[in-house]
Amino acid sequence: MYKKNERAQGYALKQAAEAWKTITLKNNYLFFKIMQDEKRLRELLRRTLPEIRIKKLRIVGEKTIQAGVDIHGVRLDVYAEDETGRPFTIEMQINNTDNIPKRMRFYSSMVDSQMLDKGDKYERLPDSFIIIICCFDLYGMGLHKYSFRSKCDQVDGLAMGDGVKYVVLNTTSFADDVDSELRAFLDYVEGRDVRDDSYIAELDEAVVKARRNKRWRKEYMTVEQERMHRDSFVERRGRELDCLMVVRRMMQKGFDVDEIVDCVSREASLVESYMSALNECGPTAEINEVYNYIHRNDGYEKI
């Protein structure tokens, strides 16, 4: 099993190395790297949010926010604050994960949690902007740009005034709904030919230069390897949870250890450890609790 996983990961890494040769701004890693330049990011925000003025940005990069040990943390692809303290979160999204609106809501709450110190008044919360660049049409209306603010259901035009703005961009659109500058950026991300735009030319030059950057390539390969390791961990953990559920059901029906070993095709010692853990945790314990009990002293999962 391990040799099979190693071969699969080796092949995937080889594919990643090939992909780097033609990597584009759609890639999260490259988008993160390219947008570490204050001037480039400020221009992207100007095109996306032409109604606001930004003189200077402080870029934090891929910001991680953890509000507490028992609270779900969040990692933001590109995070910056302007000279007034307004936060901007920008993320590149290739696939529709069916949770983007709720994720944006969570991003906003986590960003807000970092804005106030104990005792600060809520009035000190600055306006904030959450921007997701989607390589698909999230809402299926054919627009390049979908902007949202909280408004009253009963009174047209009455804004809640919470200061939060959500923007979902769509690179696949052909609509005539945004200005030429934003459209040029979205067309470029989508891989369409864009001419006579100095910003896009600069981005393209930065992408071409990035492909020759050996340090970035090495970092990218490390990121891909870590991602594959996480995926492999999730896959193995899922198989063990499935096995635990089968063992529990067979125990409840009175099957002995030899019959269970034959059914799940695992070593007898492993099955016996599962049965012992299930007995220790009791019949009402969740399978996840049994899993955690089994691996309580590991520091990592086994299978």
Protein backbone atom coordinates (compact mmCIF):
# COMPACT_ATOMS: atom_id res chain seq x y z
CA MET A 1 0.00 0.00 0.00
CA TYR A 2 2.79 2.39 0.95
CA LYS A 3 4.75 1.61 -2.24
CA LYS A 4 1.61 2.27 -4.29
CA ASN A 5 1.11 5.62 -2.53
CA GLU A 6 4.79 6.51 -3.04
CA ARG A 7 4.54 5.74 -6.76
CA ALA A 8 1.37 7.80 -7.04
CA GLN A 9 2.94 10.73 -5.18
CA GLY A 10 6.10 10.45 -7.27
CA TYR A 11 4.05 10.62 -10.46
CA ALA A 12 2.02 13.56 -9.11
CA LEU A 13 5.22 15.46 -8.23
CA LYS A 14 6.52 14.86 -11.73
CA GLN A 15 3.28 16.25 -13.10
CA ALA A 16 3.59 19.27 -10.79
CA ALA A 17 7.12 19.90 -12.05
CA GLU A 18 5.82 19.87 -15.62
CA ALA A 19 2.90 22.12 -14.70
CA TRP A 20 5.31 24.72 -13.28
CA LYS A 21 6.70 25.27 -16.77
CA THR A 22 3.34 26.68 -17.89
CA ILE A 23 1.97 27.87 -14.54
CA THR A 24 -0.43 30.82 -14.68
CA LEU A 25 -1.97 33.34 -12.31
CA LYS A 26 -4.85 30.92 -11.70
CA ASN A 27 -2.54 28.93 -9.46
CA ASN A 28 -2.96 29.92 -5.79
CA TYR A 29 0.76 29.73 -5.06
CA LEU A 30 1.75 31.92 -8.00
CA PHE A 31 -1.08 34.39 -7.37
CA PHE A 32 0.13 34.70 -3.78
CA LYS A 33 3.72 35.33 -4.92
CA ILE A 34 2.90 37.80 -7.67
CA MET A 35 0.58 39.82 -5.43
CA GLN A 36 3.22 40.35 -2.75
CA ASP A 37 4.20 43.41 -4.78
CA GLU A 38 2.39 46.41 -3.28
CA LYS A 39 2.00 48.25 -6.57
CA ARG A 40 0.55 45.23 -8.38
CA LEU A 41 -1.92 44.45 -5.60
CA ARG A 42 -2.98 48.08 -5.27
CA GLU A 43 -3.70 48.23 -9.00
CA LEU A 44 -5.78 45.05 -8.82
CA LEU A 45 -7.80 46.52 -5.96
CA ARG A 46 -8.24 49.78 -7.88
CA ARG A 47 -9.69 47.86 -10.83
CA THR A 48 -11.91 45.73 -8.62
CA LEU A 49 -13.05 48.52 -6.27
CA PRO A 50 -12.88 51.74 -8.33
CA GLU A 51 -15.14 53.54 -5.84
CA ILE A 52 -12.52 53.59 -3.09
CA ARG A 53 -9.12 55.26 -2.91
CA ILE A 54 -6.04 53.47 -1.63
CA LYS A 55 -2.79 55.38 -1.20
CA LYS A 56 -0.70 52.63 0.32
CA LEU A 57 -0.97 48.96 1.28
CA ARG A 58 0.66 46.87 3.94
CA ILE A 59 0.68 43.32 2.62
CA VAL A 60 0.60 40.48 5.12
CA GLY A 61 0.39 37.79 2.47
CA GLU A 62 -1.11 34.40 3.28
CA LYS A 63 -2.44 35.37 6.71
CA THR A 64 -3.47 32.71 9.21
CA ILE A 65 -6.02 33.64 11.87
CA GLN A 66 -6.69 31.35 14.82
CA ALA A 67 -9.16 32.85 17.28
CA GLY A 68 -8.76 30.07 19.83
CA VAL A 69 -7.65 26.48 20.30
CA ASP A 70 -11.22 25.18 19.91
CA ILE A 71 -12.21 27.54 17.09
CA HIS A 72 -11.88 26.78 13.39
CA GLY A 73 -8.98 28.85 12.03
CA VAL A 74 -8.68 30.38 8.59
CA ARG A 75 -5.84 30.91 6.14
CA LEU A 76 -6.26 33.87 3.81
CA ASP A 77 -4.47 33.73 0.45
CA VAL A 78 -3.63 37.43 0.15
CA TYR A 79 -4.33 39.85 2.96
CA ALA A 80 -3.53 43.55 3.09
CA GLU A 81 -4.49 46.69 4.96
CA ASP A 82 -4.47 50.20 3.56
CA GLU A 83 -3.24 53.39 5.21
CA THR A 84 -6.54 53.77 7.10
CA GLY A 85 -6.51 50.21 8.43
CA ARG A 86 -9.15 48.84 6.07
CA PRO A 87 -8.54 45.10 5.48
CA PHE A 88 -8.65 43.47 2.04
CA THR A 89 -8.81 39.71 1.58
CA ILE A 90 -8.25 38.32 -1.93
CA GLU A 91 -8.43 34.68 -2.94
CA MET A 92 -8.09 32.83 -6.24
CA GLN A 93 -10.61 29.99 -6.57
CA ILE A 94 -10.29 27.49 -9.43
CA ASN A 95 -13.00 25.02 -8.40
CA ASN A 96 -16.50 25.51 -7.05
CA THR A 97 -16.42 23.95 -3.59
CA ASP A 98 -20.11 24.78 -2.97
CA ASN A 99 -19.27 26.67 0.23
CA ILE A 100 -17.84 29.95 -1.03
CA PRO A 101 -20.54 32.35 0.26
CA LYS A 102 -20.42 30.81 3.76
CA ARG A 103 -16.62 30.81 3.64
CA MET A 104 -16.63 34.53 2.79
CA ARG A 105 -18.89 35.15 5.76
CA PHE A 106 -16.48 33.24 7.99
CA TYR A 107 -13.50 35.14 6.57
CA SER A 108 -15.20 38.42 7.42
CA SER A 109 -15.95 37.39 11.01
CA MET A 110 -12.39 36.17 11.57
CA VAL A 111 -10.86 39.33 10.12
CA ASP A 112 -13.12 41.44 12.35
CA SER A 113 -12.03 39.44 15.39
CA GLN A 114 -8.47 40.68 14.83
CA MET A 115 -9.43 44.33 14.43
CA LEU A 116 -10.46 45.22 17.98
CA ASP A 117 -8.60 44.92 21.24
CA LYS A 118 -10.39 44.20 24.50
CA GLY A 119 -12.42 47.22 25.52
CA ASP A 120 -12.43 48.83 22.04
CA LYS A 121 -15.73 50.22 20.79
CA TYR A 122 -17.38 48.62 17.76
CA GLU A 123 -17.27 51.98 15.98
CA ARG A 124 -13.54 51.42 15.55
CA LEU A 125 -14.14 48.51 13.19
CA PRO A 126 -13.00 49.66 9.72
CA ASP A 127 -14.80 48.85 6.49
CA SER A 128 -13.61 45.51 5.12
CA PHE A 129 -13.55 43.87 1.70
CA ILE A 130 -13.63 40.17 0.85
CA ILE A 131 -12.80 39.40 -2.78
CA ILE A 132 -12.94 35.96 -4.41
CA ILE A 133 -11.67 35.59 -7.99
CA CYS A 134 -13.58 32.61 -9.39
CA CYS A 135 -12.53 30.78 -12.56
CA PHE A 136 -16.21 29.88 -13.03
CA ASP A 137 -19.56 31.65 -12.72
CA LEU A 138 -20.56 31.08 -9.09
CA TYR A 139 -24.05 32.56 -9.49
CA GLY A 140 -24.70 31.55 -13.11
CA MET A 141 -25.88 35.01 -14.20
CA GLY A 142 -23.12 35.61 -16.74
CA LEU A 143 -21.63 38.66 -15.00
CA HIS A 144 -17.96 39.48 -14.48
CA LYS A 145 -18.61 40.96 -11.04
CA TYR A 146 -21.09 40.32 -8.24
CA SER A 147 -20.96 42.79 -5.33
CA PHE A 148 -22.85 42.40 -2.07
CA ARG A 149 -23.61 44.55 0.96
CA SER A 150 -26.15 43.94 3.75
CA LYS A 151 -29.46 45.67 3.00
CA CYS A 152 -32.90 45.88 4.55
CA ASP A 153 -35.50 43.43 3.19
CA GLN A 154 -38.40 45.79 3.89
CA VAL A 155 -37.02 49.14 2.71
CA ASP A 156 -35.42 49.44 -0.72
CA GLY A 157 -32.06 51.17 -0.63
CA LEU A 158 -31.70 51.02 3.16
CA ALA A 159 -28.21 49.73 3.92
CA MET A 160 -27.40 47.99 7.18
CA GLY A 161 -24.18 49.98 7.42
CA ASP A 162 -21.94 47.22 8.74
CA GLY A 163 -19.16 48.28 6.36
CA VAL A 164 -18.55 44.85 4.87
CA LYS A 165 -18.43 44.38 1.10
CA TYR A 166 -18.18 41.04 -0.65
CA VAL A 167 -17.05 40.82 -4.27
CA VAL A 168 -17.16 37.67 -6.39
CA LEU A 169 -15.38 37.95 -9.74
CA ASN A 170 -15.97 35.62 -12.68
CA THR A 171 -13.15 35.14 -15.20
CA THR A 172 -15.33 33.22 -17.69
CA SER A 173 -17.81 36.01 -18.50
CA PHE A 174 -18.16 37.75 -21.87
CA ALA A 175 -20.69 40.31 -20.63
CA ASP A 176 -20.27 44.05 -21.08
CA ASP A 177 -20.84 44.79 -17.39
CA VAL A 178 -17.49 46.09 -16.09
CA ASP A 179 -14.92 48.58 -17.31
CA SER A 180 -12.20 47.56 -19.72
CA GLU A 181 -9.47 47.46 -17.06
CA LEU A 182 -11.14 44.91 -14.80
CA ARG A 183 -12.25 42.89 -17.81
CA ALA A 184 -8.66 42.86 -19.10
CA PHE A 185 -7.45 41.39 -15.80
CA LEU A 186 -10.16 38.72 -15.73
CA ASP A 187 -9.55 37.87 -19.39
CA TYR A 188 -5.84 37.49 -18.65
CA VAL A 189 -6.49 35.13 -15.74
CA GLU A 190 -8.78 33.11 -17.99
CA GLY A 191 -5.99 32.81 -20.56
CA ARG A 192 -7.42 35.12 -23.22
CA ASP A 193 -5.24 37.42 -25.27
CA VAL A 194 -5.05 40.94 -23.79
CA ARG A 195 -3.28 43.79 -25.56
CA ASP A 196 -2.55 47.46 -24.94
CA ASP A 197 -2.70 47.19 -21.15
CA SER A 198 0.55 47.97 -19.33
CA TYR A 199 -0.62 46.34 -16.08
CA ILE A 200 -1.42 43.05 -17.80
CA ALA A 201 1.90 43.20 -19.62
CA GLU A 202 3.65 43.64 -16.26
CA LEU A 203 1.74 40.70 -14.77
CA ASP A 204 2.59 38.50 -17.72
CA GLU A 205 6.25 39.43 -17.48
CA ALA A 206 6.19 38.60 -13.76
CA VAL A 207 4.62 35.19 -14.49
CA VAL A 208 7.21 34.38 -17.16
CA LYS A 209 10.00 35.44 -14.82
CA ALA A 210 8.47 33.33 -12.01
CA ARG A 211 8.68 30.19 -14.14
CA ARG A 212 12.45 30.68 -14.25
CA ASN A 213 12.71 31.27 -10.50
CA LYS A 214 14.32 28.12 -9.09
CA ARG A 215 13.61 29.04 -5.48
CA TRP A 216 9.90 29.56 -6.15
CA ARG A 217 9.78 26.31 -8.11
CA LYS A 218 11.32 24.46 -5.17
CA GLU A 219 8.85 26.07 -2.75
CA TYR A 220 5.97 25.15 -5.06
CA MET A 221 7.10 21.52 -5.17
CA THR A 222 7.28 21.49 -1.36
CA VAL A 223 3.78 22.95 -1.14
CA GLU A 224 2.49 20.32 -3.57
CA GLN A 225 4.20 17.56 -1.62
CA GLU A 226 2.62 18.77 1.64
CA ARG A 227 -0.77 18.97 -0.06
CA MET A 228 -0.42 15.41 -1.33
CA HIS A 229 0.60 14.27 2.13
CA ARG A 230 -2.52 15.89 3.60
CA ASP A 231 -4.68 14.29 0.92
CA SER A 232 -3.06 10.92 1.61
CA PHE A 233 -3.63 11.37 5.36
CA VAL A 234 -7.32 12.14 4.81
CA GLU A 235 -7.67 9.13 2.50
CA ARG A 236 -6.00 6.74 4.97
CA ARG A 237 -7.96 8.15 7.91
CA GLY A 238 -11.19 7.65 5.94
CA ARG A 239 -10.33 4.02 5.26
CA GLU A 240 -9.61 3.40 8.94
CA LEU A 241 -12.89 5.01 10.01
CA ASP A 242 -14.75 2.82 7.50
CA CYS A 243 -12.99 -0.26 8.88
CA LEU A 244 -13.85 0.70 12.45
CA MET A 245 -17.52 1.02 11.53
CA VAL A 246 -17.52 -2.45 9.92
CA VAL A 247 -15.78 -3.96 12.95
CA ARG A 248 -18.33 -2.37 15.29
CA ARG A 249 -21.31 -3.64 13.26
CA MET A 250 -19.88 -7.18 13.13
CA MET A 251 -19.15 -7.14 16.87
CA GLN A 252 -22.74 -6.06 17.53
CA LYS A 253 -23.96 -9.01 15.44
CA GLY A 254 -21.81 -11.46 17.37
CA PHE A 255 -19.07 -12.26 14.85
CA ASP A 256 -15.79 -13.49 16.33
CA VAL A 257 -12.36 -11.99 15.65
CA ASP A 258 -11.42 -14.50 12.92
CA GLU A 259 -14.60 -13.80 10.98
CA ILE A 260 -14.04 -10.04 11.27
CA VAL A 261 -10.40 -10.40 10.12
CA ASP A 262 -11.56 -12.32 7.04
CA CYS A 263 -14.16 -9.67 6.26
CA VAL A 264 -12.00 -6.53 6.60
CA SER A 265 -8.77 -8.14 5.29
CA ARG A 266 -6.62 -6.68 8.08
CA GLU A 267 -4.10 -8.25 10.42
CA ALA A 268 -5.59 -9.95 13.45
CA SER A 269 -3.57 -7.80 15.86
CA LEU A 270 -4.96 -4.62 14.28
CA VAL A 271 -8.55 -5.89 14.37
CA GLU A 272 -8.11 -6.94 17.99
CA SER A 273 -6.85 -3.42 18.85
CA TYR A 274 -9.95 -1.97 17.13
CA MET A 275 -12.23 -4.31 19.08
CA SER A 276 -10.50 -3.41 22.34
CA ALA A 277 -10.84 0.32 21.64
CA LEU A 278 -14.51 -0.07 20.73
CA ASN A 279 -15.13 -1.91 24.00
CA GLU A 280 -13.20 0.69 25.98
CA CYS A 281 -15.11 3.59 24.43
CA GLY A 282 -18.49 1.93 24.74
CA PRO A 283 -21.36 1.34 22.30
CA THR A 284 -22.54 4.97 22.26
CA ALA A 285 -19.19 6.53 21.34
CA GLU A 286 -18.88 8.19 17.95
CA ILE A 287 -16.49 6.50 15.54
CA ASN A 288 -14.36 9.66 15.51
CA GLU A 289 -14.02 9.39 19.28
CA VAL A 290 -12.86 5.78 18.94
CA TYR A 291 -10.37 6.83 16.28
CA ASN A 292 -8.98 9.57 18.53
CA TYR A 293 -8.76 7.13 21.41
CA ILE A 294 -6.75 4.67 19.31
CA HIS A 295 -4.30 7.38 18.26
CA ARG A 296 -4.30 9.39 21.48
CA ASN A 297 -0.55 8.87 22.03
CA ASP A 298 0.63 8.87 18.42
CA GLY A 299 0.93 12.46 17.35
CA TYR A 300 0.00 11.16 13.91
CA GLU A 301 -2.44 8.68 12.44
CA LYS A 302 -1.63 5.06 11.60
CA ILE A 303 -3.28 2.52 9.38
